[in-house]
C-alpha atoms as a PDB file:
ATOM      1  CA  MET A   1     -97.903   4.215  13.884  1.00  0.00           C
ATOM      2  CA  PHE A   2     -95.394   7.093  13.710  1.00  0.00           C
ATOM      3  CA  SER A   3     -92.595   7.779  16.164  1.00  0.00           C
ATOM      4  CA  PRO A   4     -92.045  11.326  17.476  1.00  0.00           C
ATOM      5  CA  GLU A   5     -89.170  11.651  14.976  1.00  0.00           C
ATOM      6  CA  GLY A   6     -91.520  10.889  12.073  1.00  0.00           C
ATOM      7  CA  PRO A   7     -93.222  13.331   9.709  1.00  0.00           C
ATOM      8  CA  SER A   8     -96.049  15.590  10.819  1.00  0.00           C
ATOM      9  CA  LEU A   9     -99.531  15.385   9.324  1.00  0.00           C
ATOM     10  CA  ARG A  10     -98.809  18.528   7.328  1.00  0.00           C
ATOM     11  CA  GLU A  11     -95.620  17.008   5.910  1.00  0.00           C
ATOM     12  CA  LEU A  12     -97.505  13.865   4.888  1.00  0.00           C
ATOM     13  CA  VAL A  13    -100.176  15.930   3.137  1.00  0.00           C
ATOM     14  CA  VAL A  14     -97.549  17.904   1.222  1.00  0.00           C
ATOM     15  CA  GLN A  15     -95.871  14.643   0.212  1.00  0.00           C
ATOM     16  CA  ALA A  16     -99.164  13.106  -0.915  1.00  0.00           C
ATOM     17  CA  LEU A  17     -99.866  16.110  -3.150  1.00  0.00           C
ATOM     18  CA  SER A  18     -96.439  15.875  -4.813  1.00  0.00           C
ATOM     19  CA  SER A  19     -95.090  13.579  -7.496  1.00  0.00           C
ATOM     20  CA  VAL A  20     -93.744  10.216  -6.323  1.00  0.00           C
ATOM     21  CA  GLU A  21     -90.139  11.363  -6.801  1.00  0.00           C
ATOM     22  CA  HIS A  22     -90.505  14.735  -5.098  1.00  0.00           C
ATOM     23  CA  GLY A  23     -92.685  13.241  -2.377  1.00  0.00           C
ATOM     24  CA  TYR A  24     -89.958  10.810  -1.395  1.00  0.00           C
ATOM     25  CA  ASP A  25     -87.311  13.521  -1.591  1.00  0.00           C
ATOM     26  CA  LEU A  26     -89.368  15.383   1.023  1.00  0.00           C
ATOM     27  CA  LEU A  27     -90.017  12.317   3.176  1.00  0.00           C
ATOM     28  CA  ALA A  28     -86.485  10.879   3.015  1.00  0.00           C
ATOM     29  CA  PRO A  29     -84.991  12.420   6.200  1.00  0.00           C
ATOM     30  CA  LYS A  30     -87.826  10.954   8.315  1.00  0.00           C
ATOM     31  CA  PHE A  31     -88.731   7.874   6.271  1.00  0.00           C
ATOM     32  CA  ASP A  32     -87.093   5.391   8.649  1.00  0.00           C
ATOM     33  CA  HIS A  33     -89.357   6.681  11.438  1.00  0.00           C
ATOM     34  CA  THR A  34     -92.549   5.769   9.559  1.00  0.00           C
ATOM     35  CA  PRO A  35     -94.470   2.484   9.199  1.00  0.00           C
ATOM     36  CA  PHE A  36     -93.664   2.573   5.467  1.00  0.00           C
ATOM     37  CA  ARG A  37     -90.175   1.195   6.086  1.00  0.00           C
ATOM     38  CA  THR A  38     -89.929  -2.581   5.610  1.00  0.00           C
ATOM     39  CA  PRO A  39     -90.093  -4.196   9.082  1.00  0.00           C
ATOM     40  CA  ALA A  40     -86.866  -5.668  10.423  1.00  0.00           C
ATOM     41  CA  PRO A  41     -88.346  -9.178  10.973  1.00  0.00           C
ATOM     42  CA  LEU A  42     -89.233  -9.374   7.267  1.00  0.00           C
ATOM     43  CA  LEU A  43     -85.748  -8.244   6.245  1.00  0.00           C
ATOM     44  CA  HIS A  44     -84.159 -10.841   8.540  1.00  0.00           C
ATOM     45  CA  ALA A  45     -86.402 -13.627   7.214  1.00  0.00           C
ATOM     46  CA  VAL A  46     -85.580 -12.806   3.595  1.00  0.00           C
ATOM     47  CA  ALA A  47     -81.857 -12.662   4.398  1.00  0.00           C
ATOM     48  CA  ALA A  48     -82.024 -16.085   6.036  1.00  0.00           C
ATOM     49  CA  MET A  49     -83.796 -17.571   2.999  1.00  0.00           C
ATOM     50  CA  LEU A  50     -81.319 -15.992   0.582  1.00  0.00           C
ATOM     51  CA  GLU A  51     -78.415 -17.446   2.567  1.00  0.00           C
ATOM     52  CA  ARG A  52     -79.915 -20.888   1.945  1.00  0.00           C
ATOM     53  CA  ILE A  53     -80.431 -20.212  -1.771  1.00  0.00           C
ATOM     54  CA  GLY A  54     -77.037 -18.541  -2.431  1.00  0.00           C
ATOM     55  CA  PRO A  55     -74.153 -17.902  -2.637  1.00  0.00           C
ATOM     56  CA  PHE A  56     -74.250 -14.650  -4.595  1.00  0.00           C
ATOM     57  CA  ASP A  57     -71.488 -12.318  -5.731  1.00  0.00           C
ATOM     58  CA  ASP A  58     -73.119  -9.073  -6.929  1.00  0.00           C
ATOM     59  CA  GLY A  59     -76.510  -7.788  -5.776  1.00  0.00           C
ATOM     60  CA  LEU A  60     -78.882  -4.984  -6.771  1.00  0.00           C
ATOM     61  CA  ASP A  61     -81.467  -3.399  -4.476  1.00  0.00           C
ATOM     62  CA  LEU A  62     -84.205  -2.219  -6.855  1.00  0.00           C
ATOM     63  CA  CYS A  63     -85.982   0.969  -5.698  1.00  0.00           C
ATOM     64  CA  CYS A  64     -83.663   0.911  -2.707  1.00  0.00           C
ATOM     65  CA  GLY A  65     -85.102   3.844  -0.761  1.00  0.00           C
ATOM     66  CA  THR A  66     -83.055   4.404   2.373  1.00  0.00           C
ATOM     67  CA  GLY A  67     -81.179   1.145   1.914  1.00  0.00           C
ATOM     68  CA  ALA A  68     -83.029  -1.486   3.951  1.00  0.00           C
ATOM     69  CA  GLY A  69     -82.665  -4.022   1.131  1.00  0.00           C
ATOM     70  CA  ALA A  70     -79.023  -3.087   0.615  1.00  0.00           C
ATOM     71  CA  ASP A  71     -78.444  -4.051   4.255  1.00  0.00           C
ATOM     72  CA  VAL A  72     -79.799  -7.512   3.403  1.00  0.00           C
ATOM     73  CA  LEU A  73     -77.550  -7.760   0.350  1.00  0.00           C
ATOM     74  CA  THR A  74     -74.423  -6.941   2.349  1.00  0.00           C
ATOM     75  CA  LYS A  75     -75.107 -10.122   4.335  1.00  0.00           C
ATOM     76  CA  VAL A  76     -75.575 -12.435   1.346  1.00  0.00           C
ATOM     77  CA  CYS A  77     -73.364 -10.986  -1.433  1.00  0.00           C
ATOM     78  CA  ARG A  78     -69.593 -11.473  -1.515  1.00  0.00           C
ATOM     79  CA  GLU A  79     -68.370  -8.886  -4.029  1.00  0.00           C
ATOM     80  CA  SER A  80     -70.617  -5.840  -4.459  1.00  0.00           C
ATOM     81  CA  VAL A  81     -73.961  -4.288  -3.590  1.00  0.00           C
ATOM     82  CA  THR A  82     -75.681  -1.574  -5.649  1.00  0.00           C
ATOM     83  CA  GLY A  83     -78.756   0.426  -4.710  1.00  0.00           C
ATOM     84  CA  VAL A  84     -80.807   2.176  -7.391  1.00  0.00           C
ATOM     85  CA  ASP A  85     -83.615   4.668  -6.808  1.00  0.00           C
ATOM     86  CA  PHE A  86     -84.963   7.754  -8.581  1.00  0.00           C
ATOM     87  CA  SER A  87     -85.225   9.836  -5.391  1.00  0.00           C
ATOM     88  CA  ALA A  88     -82.030  11.754  -4.696  1.00  0.00           C
ATOM     89  CA  GLY A  89     -83.237  12.363  -1.133  1.00  0.00           C
ATOM     90  CA  MET A  90     -83.680   8.682  -0.372  1.00  0.00           C
ATOM     91  CA  LEU A  91     -80.280   7.852  -1.900  1.00  0.00           C
ATOM     92  CA  ALA A  92     -78.606  10.488   0.270  1.00  0.00           C
ATOM     93  CA  VAL A  93     -80.025   8.884   3.411  1.00  0.00           C
ATOM     94  CA  ALA A  94     -79.077   5.405   2.192  1.00  0.00           C
ATOM     95  CA  GLN A  95     -75.506   6.478   1.530  1.00  0.00           C
ATOM     96  CA  GLU A  96     -75.269   7.888   5.033  1.00  0.00           C
ATOM     97  CA  ARG A  97     -76.623   4.829   6.845  1.00  0.00           C
ATOM     98  CA  VAL A  98     -75.186   1.919   4.805  1.00  0.00           C
ATOM     99  CA  ARG A  99     -71.424   2.174   4.848  1.00  0.00           C
ATOM    100  CA  SER A 100     -69.283   0.638   2.112  1.00  0.00           C
ATOM    101  CA  GLY A 101     -66.799  -2.027   3.102  1.00  0.00           C
ATOM    102  CA  GLU A 102     -66.804  -5.686   2.173  1.00  0.00           C
ATOM    103  CA  PRO A 103     -68.737  -6.115  -0.027  1.00  0.00           C
ATOM    104  CA  ARG A 104     -68.362  -2.685  -1.605  1.00  0.00           C
ATOM    105  CA  VAL A 105     -71.571  -0.638  -1.764  1.00  0.00           C
ATOM    106  CA  SER A 106     -72.509   1.941  -4.417  1.00  0.00           C
ATOM    107  CA  TRP A 107     -75.596   4.042  -5.167  1.00  0.00           C
ATOM    108  CA  VAL A 108     -77.080   4.979  -8.531  1.00  0.00           C
ATOM    109  CA  ARG A 109     -79.870   7.417  -9.286  1.00  0.00           C
ATOM    110  CA  GLY A 110     -82.049   5.870 -11.977  1.00  0.00           C
ATOM    111  CA  ASP A 111     -85.525   4.745 -13.001  1.00  0.00           C
ATOM    112  CA  ALA A 112     -86.353   1.069 -12.461  1.00  0.00           C
ATOM    113  CA  ARG A 113     -88.205   1.137 -15.790  1.00  0.00           C
ATOM    114  CA  ALA A 114     -84.957   1.962 -17.639  1.00  0.00           C
ATOM    115  CA  LEU A 115     -82.113   0.443 -15.624  1.00  0.00           C
ATOM    116  CA  PRO A 116     -78.647   1.737 -16.550  1.00  0.00           C
ATOM    117  CA  PHE A 117     -76.840  -1.586 -16.122  1.00  0.00           C
ATOM    118  CA  ALA A 118     -75.454  -4.447 -18.177  1.00  0.00           C
ATOM    119  CA  PRO A 119     -76.157  -8.055 -17.057  1.00  0.00           C
ATOM    120  CA  ALA A 120     -73.921  -7.623 -14.015  1.00  0.00           C
ATOM    121  CA  PHE A 121     -75.878  -9.080 -11.078  1.00  0.00           C
ATOM    122  CA  ASP A 122     -76.472 -12.510  -9.562  1.00  0.00           C
ATOM    123  CA  LEU A 123     -79.277 -11.258  -7.329  1.00  0.00           C
ATOM    124  CA  VAL A 124     -81.887  -8.482  -7.503  1.00  0.00           C
ATOM    125  CA  VAL A 125     -84.141  -7.784  -4.511  1.00  0.00           C
ATOM    126  CA  SER A 126     -86.923  -5.284  -3.913  1.00  0.00           C
ATOM    127  CA  PHE A 127     -88.902  -4.404  -0.796  1.00  0.00           C
ATOM    128  CA  GLY A 128     -92.155  -2.483  -0.692  1.00  0.00           C
ATOM    129  CA  ALA A 129     -91.789  -0.705  -4.037  1.00  0.00           C
ATOM    130  CA  PHE A 130     -94.217  -2.509  -6.336  1.00  0.00           C
ATOM    131  CA  GLY A 131     -97.217  -0.439  -5.290  1.00  0.00           C
ATOM    132  CA  HIS A 132     -95.613   2.462  -7.157  1.00  0.00           C
ATOM    133  CA  PHE A 133     -96.063   0.665 -10.487  1.00  0.00           C
ATOM    134  CA  LEU A 134     -99.358   0.249 -12.277  1.00  0.00           C
ATOM    135  CA  PRO A 135    -100.166  -3.345 -13.284  1.00  0.00           C
ATOM    136  CA  ARG A 136     -99.569  -2.502 -16.950  1.00  0.00           C
ATOM    137  CA  GLU A 137     -96.017  -1.356 -16.059  1.00  0.00           C
ATOM    138  CA  LEU A 138     -94.980  -4.635 -14.410  1.00  0.00           C
ATOM    139  CA  PRO A 139     -94.107  -6.535 -17.630  1.00  0.00           C
ATOM    140  CA  GLY A 140     -91.674  -3.763 -18.608  1.00  0.00           C
ATOM    141  CA  LEU A 141     -90.246  -3.673 -15.086  1.00  0.00           C
ATOM    142  CA  PHE A 142     -89.675  -7.433 -15.116  1.00  0.00           C
ATOM    143  CA  ASP A 143     -88.014  -7.149 -18.540  1.00  0.00           C
ATOM    144  CA  GLN A 144     -85.601  -4.642 -17.058  1.00  0.00           C
ATOM    145  CA  VAL A 145     -84.749  -6.920 -14.133  1.00  0.00           C
ATOM    146  CA  HIS A 146     -84.254  -9.874 -16.501  1.00  0.00           C
ATOM    147  CA  SER A 147     -81.880  -7.766 -18.608  1.00  0.00           C
ATOM    148  CA  VAL A 148     -79.534  -6.905 -15.712  1.00  0.00           C
ATOM    149  CA  LEU A 149     -79.273 -10.443 -14.307  1.00  0.00           C
ATOM    150  CA  ARG A 150     -76.564 -12.839 -15.362  1.00  0.00           C
ATOM    151  CA  PRO A 151     -77.757 -16.253 -16.563  1.00  0.00           C
ATOM    152  CA  GLY A 152     -78.739 -18.206 -13.462  1.00  0.00           C
ATOM    153  CA  GLY A 153     -79.307 -15.014 -11.469  1.00  0.00           C
ATOM    154  CA  CYS A 154     -82.301 -14.526  -9.156  1.00  0.00           C
ATOM    155  CA  PHE A 155     -84.932 -11.855  -8.665  1.00  0.00           C
ATOM    156  CA  ALA A 156     -86.278 -12.219  -5.110  1.00  0.00           C
ATOM    157  CA  PHE A 157     -88.920 -10.336  -3.152  1.00  0.00           C
ATOM    158  CA  PRO A 158     -91.408 -11.039  -0.335  1.00  0.00           C
ATOM    159  CA  VAL A 159     -95.175 -11.075  -0.864  1.00  0.00           C
ATOM    160  CA  ILE A 160     -97.561 -10.806   2.084  1.00  0.00           C
ATOM    161  CA  ALA A 161    -100.841 -12.706   1.760  1.00  0.00           C
ATOM    162  CA  PRO A 162    -103.735 -10.299   1.180  1.00  0.00           C
ATOM    163  CA  PRO A 163    -106.137  -9.761   4.085  1.00  0.00           C
ATOM    164  CA  ARG A 164    -109.517 -11.477   4.051  1.00  0.00           C
ATOM    165  CA  PRO A 165    -112.539  -9.398   2.982  1.00  0.00           C
ATOM    166  CA  THR A 166    -113.915  -9.901   6.491  1.00  0.00           C
ATOM    167  CA  SER A 167    -110.915  -8.213   8.128  1.00  0.00           C
ATOM    168  CA  PRO A 168    -110.556  -4.495   8.962  1.00  0.00           C
ATOM    169  CA  ALA A 169    -107.198  -4.467   7.111  1.00  0.00           C
ATOM    170  CA  TYR A 170    -108.926  -5.403   3.847  1.00  0.00           C
ATOM    171  CA  TRP A 171    -111.279  -2.428   4.045  1.00  0.00           C
ATOM    172  CA  MET A 172    -108.538  -0.075   5.197  1.00  0.00           C
ATOM    173  CA  LEU A 173    -106.334  -0.959   2.223  1.00  0.00           C
ATOM    174  CA  SER A 174    -109.271  -0.871  -0.167  1.00  0.00           C
ATOM    175  CA  GLY A 175    -110.231   2.555   1.136  1.00  0.00           C
ATOM    176  CA  PHE A 176    -106.675   3.814   0.763  1.00  0.00           C
ATOM    177  CA  ASP A 177    -106.469   2.603  -2.847  1.00  0.00           C
ATOM    178  CA  ALA A 178    -109.839   4.168  -3.661  1.00  0.00           C
ATOM    179  CA  ALA A 179    -108.764   7.493  -2.139  1.00  0.00           C
ATOM    180  CA  MET A 180    -105.527   7.451  -4.138  1.00  0.00           C
ATOM    181  CA  LYS A 181    -107.388   6.780  -7.382  1.00  0.00           C
ATOM    182  CA  VAL A 182    -109.722   9.698  -6.704  1.00  0.00           C
ATOM    183  CA  ARG A 183    -106.731  11.890  -5.833  1.00  0.00           C
ATOM    184  CA  ASN A 184    -104.971  10.959  -9.079  1.00  0.00           C
ATOM    185  CA  ALA A 185    -108.120  11.600 -11.103  1.00  0.00           C
ATOM    186  CA  VAL A 186    -108.407  15.193  -9.895  1.00  0.00           C
ATOM    187  CA  TRP A 187    -104.852  16.239  -9.022  1.00  0.00           C
ATOM    188  CA  ARG A 188    -101.570  16.465 -10.934  1.00  0.00           C
ATOM    189  CA  PRO A 189     -98.886  15.290 -10.752  1.00  0.00           C
ATOM    190  CA  PRO A 190    -100.074  11.764  -9.928  1.00  0.00           C
ATOM    191  CA  PHE A 191     -98.802   9.876  -6.891  1.00  0.00           C
ATOM    192  CA  VAL A 192     -98.949   6.165  -7.693  1.00  0.00           C
ATOM    193  CA  MET A 193     -99.198   4.032  -4.541  1.00  0.00           C
ATOM    194  CA  TYR A 194    -101.709   1.198  -4.507  1.00  0.00           C
ATOM    195  CA  TYR A 195    -101.644  -1.662  -2.019  1.00  0.00           C
ATOM    196  CA  ARG A 196    -104.031  -4.120  -3.651  1.00  0.00           C
ATOM    197  CA  ASP A 197    -102.953  -4.083  -7.318  1.00  0.00           C
ATOM    198  CA  PHE A 198     -99.901  -6.334  -6.850  1.00  0.00           C
ATOM    199  CA  ARG A 199    -101.500  -9.776  -7.044  1.00  0.00           C
ATOM    200  CA  LEU A 200     -99.362 -12.896  -6.812  1.00  0.00           C
ATOM    201  CA  GLY A 201    -101.138 -14.864  -9.555  1.00  0.00           C
ATOM    202  CA  TYR A 202    -100.784 -12.054 -12.093  1.00  0.00           C
ATOM    203  CA  VAL A 203     -97.206 -11.322 -11.027  1.00  0.00           C
ATOM    204  CA  ARG A 204     -96.133 -14.944 -11.346  1.00  0.00           C
ATOM    205  CA  GLY A 205     -97.666 -15.184 -14.825  1.00  0.00           C
ATOM    206  CA  GLU A 206     -95.881 -12.038 -16.004  1.00  0.00           C
ATOM    207  CA  LEU A 207     -92.548 -13.215 -14.581  1.00  0.00           C
ATOM    208  CA  GLU A 208     -92.891 -16.500 -16.445  1.00  0.00           C
ATOM    209  CA  ARG A 209     -93.825 -14.694 -19.662  1.00  0.00           C
ATOM    210  CA  THR A 210     -90.682 -12.597 -19.259  1.00  0.00           C
ATOM    211  CA  GLY A 211     -88.624 -15.793 -19.226  1.00  0.00           C
ATOM    212  CA  PHE A 212     -88.107 -16.440 -15.525  1.00  0.00           C
ATOM    213  CA  ASP A 213     -88.431 -19.800 -13.782  1.00  0.00           C
ATOM    214  CA  VAL A 214     -90.487 -18.982 -10.687  1.00  0.00           C
ATOM    215  CA  ASP A 215     -90.437 -20.695  -7.288  1.00  0.00           C
ATOM    216  CA  LEU A 216     -92.334 -19.719  -4.156  1.00  0.00           C
ATOM    217  CA  HIS A 217     -90.795 -20.174  -0.697  1.00  0.00           C
ATOM    218  CA  SER A 218     -92.827 -19.758   2.466  1.00  0.00           C
ATOM    219  CA  LEU A 219     -91.185 -17.736   5.223  1.00  0.00           C
ATOM    220  CA  PRO A 220     -91.937 -19.892   8.274  1.00  0.00           C
ATOM    221  CA  GLU A 221     -91.158 -17.087  10.722  1.00  0.00           C
ATOM    222  CA  PHE A 222     -94.598 -15.603   9.976  1.00  0.00           C
ATOM    223  CA  GLY A 223     -96.682 -18.751  10.333  1.00  0.00           C
ATOM    224  CA  ARG A 224     -99.756 -19.756   8.356  1.00  0.00           C
ATOM    225  CA  ARG A 225    -103.286 -18.529   7.919  1.00  0.00           C
ATOM    226  CA  GLY A 226    -106.373 -20.445   8.975  1.00  0.00           C
ATOM    227  CA  ASP A 227    -106.547 -22.253   5.622  1.00  0.00           C
ATOM    228  CA  GLY A 228    -102.943 -23.457   5.952  1.00  0.00           C
ATOM    229  CA  SER A 229    -101.469 -21.071   3.366  1.00  0.00           C
ATOM    230  CA  PRO A 230     -98.331 -19.089   4.297  1.00  0.00           C
ATOM    231  CA  ARG A 231     -98.788 -15.589   5.647  1.00  0.00           C
ATOM    232  CA  VAL A 232     -95.654 -14.479   3.798  1.00  0.00           C
ATOM    233  CA  ARG A 233     -93.975 -15.978   0.740  1.00  0.00           C
ATOM    234  CA  MET A 234     -90.763 -15.112  -1.026  1.00  0.00           C
ATOM    235  CA  VAL A 235     -90.846 -15.140  -4.807  1.00  0.00           C
ATOM    236  CA  VAL A 236     -87.613 -16.384  -6.370  1.00  0.00           C
ATOM    237  CA  ALA A 237     -87.582 -15.820 -10.135  1.00  0.00           C
ATOM    238  CA  ARG A 238     -84.477 -17.249 -11.765  1.00  0.00           C
ATOM    239  CA  ARG A 239     -83.126 -16.288 -15.180  1.00  0.00           C
ATOM    240  CA  PRO A 240     -82.327 -19.638 -16.867  1.00  0.00           C
END
């Protein structure tokens, strides 16, 4: 799962016992050599779908990490790309690997729950960050995204279908979430990272309550499950 350039077991333990912000500051130099980075095929599939939905002028990568989503935005936005994250370490790596050109790229340190922007974006994307928010925090997060989008702007992100209860992946993710909840019950500061709390039905309902018009697009590159449902969807929530 980890390349030789990735973090050691000791480094992962230290990260897991830190706060979310400090943990990612520690992990940042080796993050792109871990399985936590969004896979390239998923990034390419989202970029292809956004090219069909666009055009877009100004894009925001929410919880940008080391800039994988900003790379996508540079392909689909014509004017500017902004990455926002609360980890200074992750932003430093992003700034090093995603060079500004056309469109221009900028980086902002900030909390997604209190975004420091006016309604300045046509597109907001996010990859792999929602597990760091408790379900009760999602309505406030979606309010923030709604507030920084221009009328007609889109909030887009991929959602992978959850594994079946009969699959090993289901029990692995369930075990991870249970371990994290025990860790957070007995250790401070908390490290919020849960894989099974971000449920599409709940998320869609909260987006609609925030005022978004929500569409779901299957990403055909990943095929379908045995029941015919897509393995991966992209949520496109548009501010009317």
